[in-house]
């Protein structure tokens, strides 16, 4: 994968500085600052209402912060087509009459421009992306006929067709069985060779510790951000989850009550 022309190679792939967001007079994110390195795997964890989805929307340029700045390789998110935001599956109309290949081709829209039809080069990108995620044999299938794991792979293929270098995935593992989850995580690991940086919002602390380079523990503010061992200890978890967190004495299990929040936005 080649770097985009508006990238400054001496800048972080993602740099978030003092970002705050307010909804209806209430804080959704407070003074968030961090940066990511090319090819990293980052898990974002925290209770419902912590601001995970809000953070992803700010990074992707969908939502403007009330304060602070986000840059992608040195420039504003809206100046880039290299950011792929993959929403929660519950936000997608799976009855819409489009095929897997149609959805993956949507990743080429920024390259095509308005009123231009796909060319052979664009279909080559789509074909390669589908092969990478092992869905080439399902390219003509209507999207609602896919399993949950296949649906997530399709969105990753769309991101690859887009030539995305930063992929934001909001709860991609929710509702998937264990083999589908493991397959998806293995696929994300393979993308490291293409220097694709990945941020994944998840509630599964064990998976976050096992499969990701660094973990961001978020509850409107960054409670901790670093390697799993330094982040996932009881003081940090208690600070993030409050009364919804408890440890089970005598082993390494952690139980978290992630009941629905009373915030305006459900993450």
Protein backbone atom coordinates (compact mmCIF):
# COMPACT_ATOMS: atom_id res chain seq x y z
CA UNK A 1 0.00 0.00 0.00
CA UNK A 2 1.38 3.38 -1.01
CA UNK A 3 1.07 6.46 1.23
CA UNK A 4 -1.43 9.10 0.19
CA UNK A 5 -0.08 12.28 -1.38
CA UNK A 6 -1.24 14.56 1.45
CA UNK A 7 0.55 12.54 4.12
CA UNK A 8 3.51 13.94 6.00
CA UNK A 9 5.59 10.85 6.71
CA UNK A 10 7.28 12.45 9.73
CA UNK A 11 3.89 12.90 11.50
CA UNK A 12 1.88 10.27 13.45
CA UNK A 13 -0.78 8.44 11.46
CA UNK A 14 -3.23 9.81 14.06
CA UNK A 15 -2.65 12.70 16.45
CA UNK A 16 -5.49 13.74 18.77
CA UNK A 17 -4.85 16.86 20.85
CA UNK A 18 -7.04 18.15 23.70
CA UNK A 19 -10.30 17.08 22.04
CA UNK A 20 -13.58 17.74 23.87
CA UNK A 21 -17.15 17.07 22.69
CA UNK A 22 -20.43 18.14 24.32
CA UNK A 23 -23.96 16.88 23.60
CA UNK A 24 -26.90 18.93 24.91
CA UNK A 25 -24.71 20.64 27.46
CA UNK A 26 -23.15 17.39 28.71
CA UNK A 27 -19.57 16.23 28.19
CA UNK A 28 -19.12 13.22 25.89
CA UNK A 29 -15.33 13.53 25.64
CA UNK A 30 -13.07 15.64 27.86
CA UNK A 31 -9.59 16.79 26.88
CA UNK A 32 -8.56 13.66 24.94
CA UNK A 33 -4.94 13.53 23.72
CA UNK A 34 -3.01 10.62 22.20
CA UNK A 35 -1.23 9.57 19.03
CA UNK A 36 -0.84 6.30 17.11
CA UNK A 37 2.00 4.72 15.17
CA UNK A 38 1.62 3.19 11.71
CA UNK A 39 0.49 -0.44 11.84
CA UNK A 40 -0.56 -0.46 15.51
CA UNK A 41 -3.51 -2.43 16.88
CA UNK A 42 -5.39 -0.36 19.49
CA UNK A 43 -8.34 -1.57 21.57
CA UNK A 44 -10.65 1.09 23.02
CA UNK A 45 -12.51 -0.21 26.08
CA UNK A 46 -14.84 1.36 28.64
CA UNK A 47 -18.43 1.24 29.89
CA UNK A 48 -21.45 2.15 27.80
CA UNK A 49 -21.65 5.91 27.39
CA UNK A 50 -17.85 6.26 27.71
CA UNK A 51 -17.56 8.07 24.36
CA UNK A 52 -16.05 5.32 22.21
CA UNK A 53 -18.36 5.89 19.24
CA UNK A 54 -18.04 9.65 19.65
CA UNK A 55 -14.25 9.38 19.52
CA UNK A 56 -14.40 7.36 16.31
CA UNK A 57 -16.74 9.86 14.69
CA UNK A 58 -14.41 12.74 15.58
CA UNK A 59 -11.35 10.92 14.24
CA UNK A 60 -13.12 10.05 10.98
CA UNK A 61 -14.28 13.65 10.49
CA UNK A 62 -17.99 12.80 10.80
CA UNK A 63 -18.27 14.91 13.95
CA UNK A 64 -16.46 18.16 14.75
CA UNK A 65 -15.15 18.55 18.31
CA UNK A 66 -16.08 21.54 20.44
CA UNK A 67 -12.41 21.97 21.28
CA UNK A 68 -9.10 20.46 20.22
CA UNK A 69 -7.72 19.11 16.98
CA UNK A 70 -7.35 15.82 15.11
CA UNK A 71 -4.75 15.32 12.38
CA UNK A 72 -4.09 12.35 10.13
CA UNK A 73 -0.44 12.28 9.04
CA UNK A 74 -0.31 16.02 9.59
CA UNK A 75 -3.60 17.27 8.10
CA UNK A 76 -7.31 17.39 8.94
CA UNK A 77 -9.44 14.20 8.72
CA UNK A 78 -11.69 15.70 6.05
CA UNK A 79 -8.66 16.04 3.76
CA UNK A 80 -8.22 12.26 3.69
CA UNK A 81 -9.81 9.30 1.98
CA UNK A 82 -7.55 6.94 3.92
CA UNK A 83 -9.82 6.68 7.02
CA UNK A 84 -12.39 3.89 7.05
CA UNK A 85 -15.11 4.01 9.72
CA UNK A 86 -16.93 0.70 10.18
CA UNK A 87 -20.09 1.22 12.27
CA UNK A 88 -21.85 -1.28 14.49
CA UNK A 89 -23.74 -3.91 12.48
CA UNK A 90 -26.98 -2.90 14.18
CA UNK A 91 -26.81 0.42 12.31
CA UNK A 92 -26.91 -1.23 8.86
CA UNK A 93 -30.03 -2.09 6.83
CA UNK A 94 -29.19 -5.66 5.84
CA UNK A 95 -32.31 -5.95 3.67
CA UNK A 96 -31.03 -3.32 1.24
CA UNK A 97 -30.78 -4.93 -2.23
CA UNK A 98 -27.04 -4.67 -2.85
CA UNK A 99 -24.44 -7.36 -3.36
CA UNK A 100 -21.18 -7.86 -1.49
CA UNK A 101 -19.22 -6.55 -4.51
CA UNK A 102 -21.46 -3.46 -4.67
CA UNK A 103 -20.66 -2.59 -1.05
CA UNK A 104 -16.93 -3.13 -1.54
CA UNK A 105 -17.01 -0.92 -4.66
CA UNK A 106 -18.44 1.87 -2.47
CA UNK A 107 -14.94 2.09 -1.04
CA UNK A 108 -13.76 3.39 -4.42
CA UNK A 109 -16.24 6.30 -4.47
CA UNK A 110 -13.71 8.91 -3.33
CA UNK A 111 -11.32 7.78 -6.08
CA UNK A 112 -14.01 7.79 -8.77
CA UNK A 113 -15.45 11.24 -8.16
CA UNK A 114 -19.04 12.24 -9.03
CA UNK A 115 -20.75 10.80 -12.13
CA UNK A 116 -17.80 8.52 -13.00
CA UNK A 117 -18.25 4.79 -13.52
CA UNK A 118 -15.83 2.19 -12.14
CA UNK A 119 -12.99 1.23 -14.42
CA UNK A 120 -11.07 -2.03 -14.65
CA UNK A 121 -8.56 -0.73 -12.11
CA UNK A 122 -11.36 -0.15 -9.59
CA UNK A 123 -12.78 -3.64 -10.08
CA UNK A 124 -9.26 -5.01 -9.66
CA UNK A 125 -9.09 -3.29 -6.26
CA UNK A 126 -12.45 -4.81 -5.34
CA UNK A 127 -11.41 -8.28 -6.45
CA UNK A 128 -8.14 -8.15 -4.55
CA UNK A 129 -9.90 -6.88 -1.41
CA UNK A 130 -12.45 -9.70 -1.56
CA UNK A 131 -9.67 -12.27 -1.98
CA UNK A 132 -7.82 -10.81 1.01
CA UNK A 133 -10.85 -11.24 3.29
CA UNK A 134 -11.74 -14.63 1.71
CA UNK A 135 -15.11 -13.55 0.29
CA UNK A 136 -14.39 -13.73 -3.44
CA UNK A 137 -16.80 -16.65 -3.87
CA UNK A 138 -19.61 -14.61 -2.25
CA UNK A 139 -19.20 -11.41 -4.29
CA UNK A 140 -22.67 -11.61 -5.87
CA UNK A 141 -24.52 -12.53 -2.68
CA UNK A 142 -27.02 -10.07 -1.17
CA UNK A 143 -25.50 -8.65 2.02
CA UNK A 144 -28.27 -9.88 4.33
CA UNK A 145 -27.44 -13.47 3.35
CA UNK A 146 -24.01 -13.27 4.94
CA UNK A 147 -23.15 -14.44 8.44
CA UNK A 148 -22.14 -11.83 11.00
CA UNK A 149 -18.45 -12.61 10.55
CA UNK A 150 -18.75 -12.40 6.77
CA UNK A 151 -20.51 -9.04 7.06
CA UNK A 152 -17.58 -7.65 9.04
CA UNK A 153 -15.14 -9.08 6.48
CA UNK A 154 -17.10 -7.35 3.74
CA UNK A 155 -16.66 -3.99 5.48
CA UNK A 156 -12.94 -4.64 5.87
CA UNK A 157 -12.83 -5.37 2.13
CA UNK A 158 -14.58 -2.05 1.47
CA UNK A 159 -11.90 -0.33 3.57
CA UNK A 160 -9.15 -2.08 1.61
CA UNK A 161 -10.73 -1.06 -1.70
CA UNK A 162 -10.75 2.48 -0.33
CA UNK A 163 -6.99 2.10 0.26
CA UNK A 164 -7.58 2.91 3.92
CA UNK A 165 -4.55 3.28 6.16
CA UNK A 166 -6.51 3.92 9.37
CA UNK A 167 -9.44 1.61 10.12
CA UNK A 168 -11.92 2.42 12.93
CA UNK A 169 -14.14 -0.51 13.90
CA UNK A 170 -17.01 0.04 16.34
CA UNK A 171 -17.83 -3.18 18.24
CA UNK A 172 -17.01 -5.50 15.30
CA UNK A 173 -16.93 -8.63 17.47
CA UNK A 174 -20.35 -8.18 19.11
CA UNK A 175 -22.75 -11.02 18.32
CA UNK A 176 -20.14 -13.22 16.62
CA UNK A 177 -19.35 -16.75 17.75
CA UNK A 178 -15.83 -17.58 18.90
CA UNK A 179 -14.51 -18.96 15.56
CA UNK A 180 -15.80 -15.88 13.71
CA UNK A 181 -14.19 -13.57 16.29
CA UNK A 182 -10.86 -15.36 16.08
CA UNK A 183 -10.96 -15.32 12.28
CA UNK A 184 -11.64 -11.60 12.23
CA UNK A 185 -8.81 -10.88 14.68
CA UNK A 186 -6.42 -13.01 12.61
CA UNK A 187 -7.40 -11.04 9.50
CA UNK A 188 -6.68 -7.75 11.26
CA UNK A 189 -3.26 -9.08 12.26
CA UNK A 190 -2.48 -9.97 8.64
CA UNK A 191 -3.24 -6.39 7.58
CA UNK A 192 -0.29 -5.21 9.67
CA UNK A 193 1.97 -6.19 6.76
CA UNK A 194 0.16 -3.55 4.66
CA UNK A 195 0.77 -0.92 7.38
CA UNK A 196 -2.93 -0.58 8.14
CA UNK A 197 -3.48 0.96 11.58
CA UNK A 198 -6.55 -0.35 13.42
CA UNK A 199 -8.62 0.98 16.33
CA UNK A 200 -11.31 -1.38 17.63
CA UNK A 201 -13.95 -0.55 20.23
CA UNK A 202 -14.71 -3.63 22.31
CA UNK A 203 -16.18 -4.69 25.66
CA UNK A 204 -14.06 -7.86 25.87
CA UNK A 205 -11.10 -7.06 28.12
CA UNK A 206 -9.54 -10.50 27.70
CA UNK A 207 -9.50 -10.21 23.90
CA UNK A 208 -8.17 -6.67 24.16
CA UNK A 209 -5.25 -7.88 26.27
CA UNK A 210 -4.52 -10.86 24.03
CA UNK A 211 -4.77 -9.38 20.56
CA UNK A 212 -3.88 -5.66 20.74
CA UNK A 213 -0.63 -3.74 21.09
CA UNK A 214 -2.07 -1.05 23.34
CA UNK A 215 -5.33 -0.49 25.17
CA UNK A 216 -7.14 2.81 25.73
CA UNK A 217 -9.34 2.72 28.82
CA UNK A 218 -11.90 5.45 28.22
CA UNK A 219 -14.68 7.01 30.25
CA UNK A 220 -15.13 10.45 28.66
CA UNK A 221 -11.50 11.02 29.68
CA UNK A 222 -8.58 8.70 29.01
CA UNK A 223 -8.20 6.77 32.27
CA UNK A 224 -5.15 4.87 31.01
CA UNK A 225 -3.45 4.20 27.67
CA UNK A 226 -0.59 1.79 27.19
CA UNK A 227 0.32 -1.89 27.09
CA UNK A 228 -2.35 -4.29 28.42
CA UNK A 229 -0.47 -5.14 31.60
CA UNK A 230 -0.15 -1.51 32.66
CA UNK A 231 -3.74 -0.59 31.78
CA UNK A 232 -5.84 -3.53 32.94
CA UNK A 233 -5.29 -3.48 36.66
CA UNK A 234 -7.96 -3.03 39.28
CA UNK A 235 -7.34 0.65 40.13
CA UNK A 236 -7.73 1.75 36.52
CA UNK A 237 -10.76 -0.48 35.93
CA UNK A 238 -12.46 0.74 39.08
CA UNK A 239 -11.83 4.34 38.02
CA UNK A 240 -13.35 3.71 34.56
CA UNK A 241 -16.27 1.46 35.48
CA UNK A 242 -17.01 2.61 39.01
CA UNK A 243 -19.63 0.51 40.79
CA UNK A 244 -20.18 -1.55 37.65
CA UNK A 245 -16.81 -3.28 38.12
CA UNK A 246 -15.76 -6.05 40.41
CA UNK A 247 -12.87 -8.52 40.54
CA UNK A 248 -13.28 -12.15 41.44
CA UNK A 249 -10.82 -13.07 44.17
CA UNK A 250 -8.46 -15.97 43.61
CA UNK A 251 -8.23 -15.82 39.82
CA UNK A 252 -7.76 -13.45 36.89
CA UNK A 253 -11.41 -13.10 35.90
CA UNK A 254 -12.90 -9.67 35.67
CA UNK A 255 -16.67 -9.14 35.67
CA UNK A 256 -18.16 -5.88 34.45
CA UNK A 257 -21.81 -4.89 34.57
CA UNK A 258 -22.28 -3.17 31.19
CA UNK A 259 -25.95 -2.40 31.65
CA UNK A 260 -27.34 0.35 29.46
CA UNK A 261 -26.25 3.80 30.34
CA UNK A 262 -28.40 6.86 30.95
CA UNK A 263 -26.38 9.06 28.58
CA UNK A 264 -27.84 10.60 25.45
CA UNK A 265 -25.71 8.44 23.19
CA UNK A 266 -25.50 4.67 23.53
CA UNK A 267 -22.02 3.46 22.66
